[in-house]
C-alpha atoms as a PDB file:
ATOM      1  CA  ALA A   1       2.617   3.966  11.260  1.00  0.00           C
ATOM      2  CA  ALA A   2      -0.125   5.628  13.450  1.00  0.00           C
ATOM      3  CA  GLY A   3      -2.185   2.631  13.263  1.00  0.00           C
ATOM      4  CA  LEU A   4      -4.945   4.358  11.436  1.00  0.00           C
ATOM      5  CA  PRO A   5      -6.314   2.951   8.022  1.00  0.00           C
ATOM      6  CA  ILE A   6      -5.603   4.114   4.875  1.00  0.00           C
ATOM      7  CA  VAL A   7      -8.037   4.645   2.202  1.00  0.00           C
ATOM      8  CA  SER A   8      -6.024   5.252  -1.481  1.00  0.00           C
ATOM      9  CA  THR A   9      -6.299   5.291  -5.185  1.00  0.00           C
ATOM     10  CA  THR A  10      -4.130   2.916  -7.133  1.00  0.00           C
ATOM     11  CA  ASN A  11      -1.689   5.504  -8.253  1.00  0.00           C
ATOM     12  CA  GLY A  12      -1.097   6.174  -4.450  1.00  0.00           C
ATOM     13  CA  ALA A  13      -0.097   3.010  -3.304  1.00  0.00           C
ATOM     14  CA  GLU A  14       1.773   2.210  -6.417  1.00  0.00           C
ATOM     15  CA  GLY A  15       5.488   0.907  -5.309  1.00  0.00           C
ATOM     16  CA  TYR A  16       4.683  -0.309  -1.955  1.00  0.00           C
ATOM     17  CA  PRO A  17       3.895  -4.288  -0.957  1.00  0.00           C
ATOM     18  CA  VAL A  18       0.340  -3.473  -0.178  1.00  0.00           C
ATOM     19  CA  LYS A  19      -2.601  -5.692  -0.556  1.00  0.00           C
ATOM     20  CA  ALA A  20      -5.954  -4.174  -1.173  1.00  0.00           C
ATOM     21  CA  GLY A  21      -8.559  -5.007   1.040  1.00  0.00           C
ATOM     22  CA  LYS A  22      -6.126  -6.527   3.742  1.00  0.00           C
ATOM     23  CA  ASP A  23      -3.084  -3.229   4.576  1.00  0.00           C
ATOM     24  CA  VAL A  24      -5.098  -0.612   2.601  1.00  0.00           C
ATOM     25  CA  LEU A  25      -9.028   0.355   0.718  1.00  0.00           C
ATOM     26  CA  ILE A  26      -8.465   1.203  -2.993  1.00  0.00           C
ATOM     27  CA  GLY A  27     -10.995   3.782  -4.328  1.00  0.00           C
ATOM     28  CA  ASP A  28     -10.049   5.069  -8.232  1.00  0.00           C
ATOM     29  CA  THR A  29     -12.833   7.395  -8.719  1.00  0.00           C
ATOM     30  CA  PRO A  30     -14.663  10.098  -5.960  1.00  0.00           C
ATOM     31  CA  GLU A  31     -17.999   7.387  -5.594  1.00  0.00           C
ATOM     32  CA  GLN A  32     -15.158   4.361  -4.971  1.00  0.00           C
ATOM     33  CA  PHE A  33     -13.164   6.184  -2.655  1.00  0.00           C
ATOM     34  CA  ALA A  34     -16.066   7.738  -1.012  1.00  0.00           C
ATOM     35  CA  ALA A  35     -17.533   4.080  -0.659  1.00  0.00           C
ATOM     36  CA  GLU A  36     -14.611   2.696   0.993  1.00  0.00           C
ATOM     37  CA  MET A  37     -14.715   5.616   3.654  1.00  0.00           C
ATOM     38  CA  CYS A  38     -18.216   5.147   4.319  1.00  0.00           C
ATOM     39  CA  ARG A  39     -17.021   1.286   4.533  1.00  0.00           C
ATOM     40  CA  LEU A  40     -15.000   2.772   7.278  1.00  0.00           C
ATOM     41  CA  LEU A  41     -17.065   4.358   8.960  1.00  0.00           C
ATOM     42  CA  ASP A  42     -19.473   1.297   9.328  1.00  0.00           C
ATOM     43  CA  SER A  43     -17.183  -1.049  10.331  1.00  0.00           C
ATOM     44  CA  PRO A  44     -14.836  -0.388  13.893  1.00  0.00           C
ATOM     45  CA  GLU A  45     -13.546  -4.034  13.179  1.00  0.00           C
ATOM     46  CA  LEU A  46     -12.159  -3.413   9.466  1.00  0.00           C
ATOM     47  CA  ARG A  47     -10.822   0.122  11.209  1.00  0.00           C
ATOM     48  CA  SER A  48      -8.900  -2.131  13.810  1.00  0.00           C
ATOM     49  CA  GLU A  49      -7.746  -4.661  11.409  1.00  0.00           C
ATOM     50  CA  LEU A  50      -6.597  -2.344   8.658  1.00  0.00           C
ATOM     51  CA  GLY A  51      -5.353   0.016  11.394  1.00  0.00           C
ATOM     52  CA  SER A  52      -3.047  -2.885  12.666  1.00  0.00           C
ATOM     53  CA  ASN A  53      -1.974  -4.240   9.448  1.00  0.00           C
ATOM     54  CA  GLY A  54      -1.138  -0.731   8.454  1.00  0.00           C
ATOM     55  CA  ARG A  55       1.184  -0.094  11.395  1.00  0.00           C
ATOM     56  CA  GLN A  56       2.563  -3.937  11.193  1.00  0.00           C
ATOM     57  CA  PHE A  57       3.691  -2.899   7.437  1.00  0.00           C
ATOM     58  CA  ALA A  58       5.477   0.428   8.446  1.00  0.00           C
ATOM     59  CA  GLN A  59       7.710  -1.416  11.353  1.00  0.00           C
ATOM     60  CA  ALA A  60       8.622  -3.807   9.222  1.00  0.00           C
ATOM     61  CA  TYR A  61       9.388  -1.278   5.892  1.00  0.00           C
ATOM     62  CA  ASP A  62      13.033  -0.568   5.023  1.00  0.00           C
ATOM     63  CA  TRP A  63      12.612   3.307   5.172  1.00  0.00           C
ATOM     64  CA  ARG A  64      16.226   3.839   4.485  1.00  0.00           C
ATOM     65  CA  LYS A  65      15.434   2.606   0.772  1.00  0.00           C
ATOM     66  CA  VAL A  66      12.806   5.520   0.510  1.00  0.00           C
ATOM     67  CA  ILE A  67      14.908   7.613   2.274  1.00  0.00           C
ATOM     68  CA  SER A  68      18.103   7.252   0.049  1.00  0.00           C
ATOM     69  CA  ARG A  69      15.581   7.936  -2.617  1.00  0.00           C
ATOM     70  CA  PHE A  70      13.963  11.515  -1.813  1.00  0.00           C
ATOM     71  CA  VAL A  71      18.126  12.392  -0.916  1.00  0.00           C
ATOM     72  CA  GLU A  72      18.802  11.790  -4.608  1.00  0.00           C
ATOM     73  CA  LEU A  73      15.551  13.545  -5.675  1.00  0.00           C
ATOM     74  CA  TYR A  74      16.775  16.646  -3.534  1.00  0.00           C
ATOM     75  CA  ASN A  75      20.239  17.046  -4.678  1.00  0.00           C
ATOM     76  CA  LEU A  76      19.410  16.757  -8.673  1.00  0.00           C
END
């Protein structure tokens, strides 16, 4: 939502309708994660594109689904 690019693991992005390389970069091993971070550092265009795509995703996402699930979990 802040317009910043995201590097995540597959598990971290699980459940979100995001596309690797378009909305988020995925690195499942320490080496892959570091390589994706370096990719971002080396490419202002990629940082901008991923940040913009992520912001659009956050604005379009129905956060009420997430909030209701958290309320359910906290009330257990």
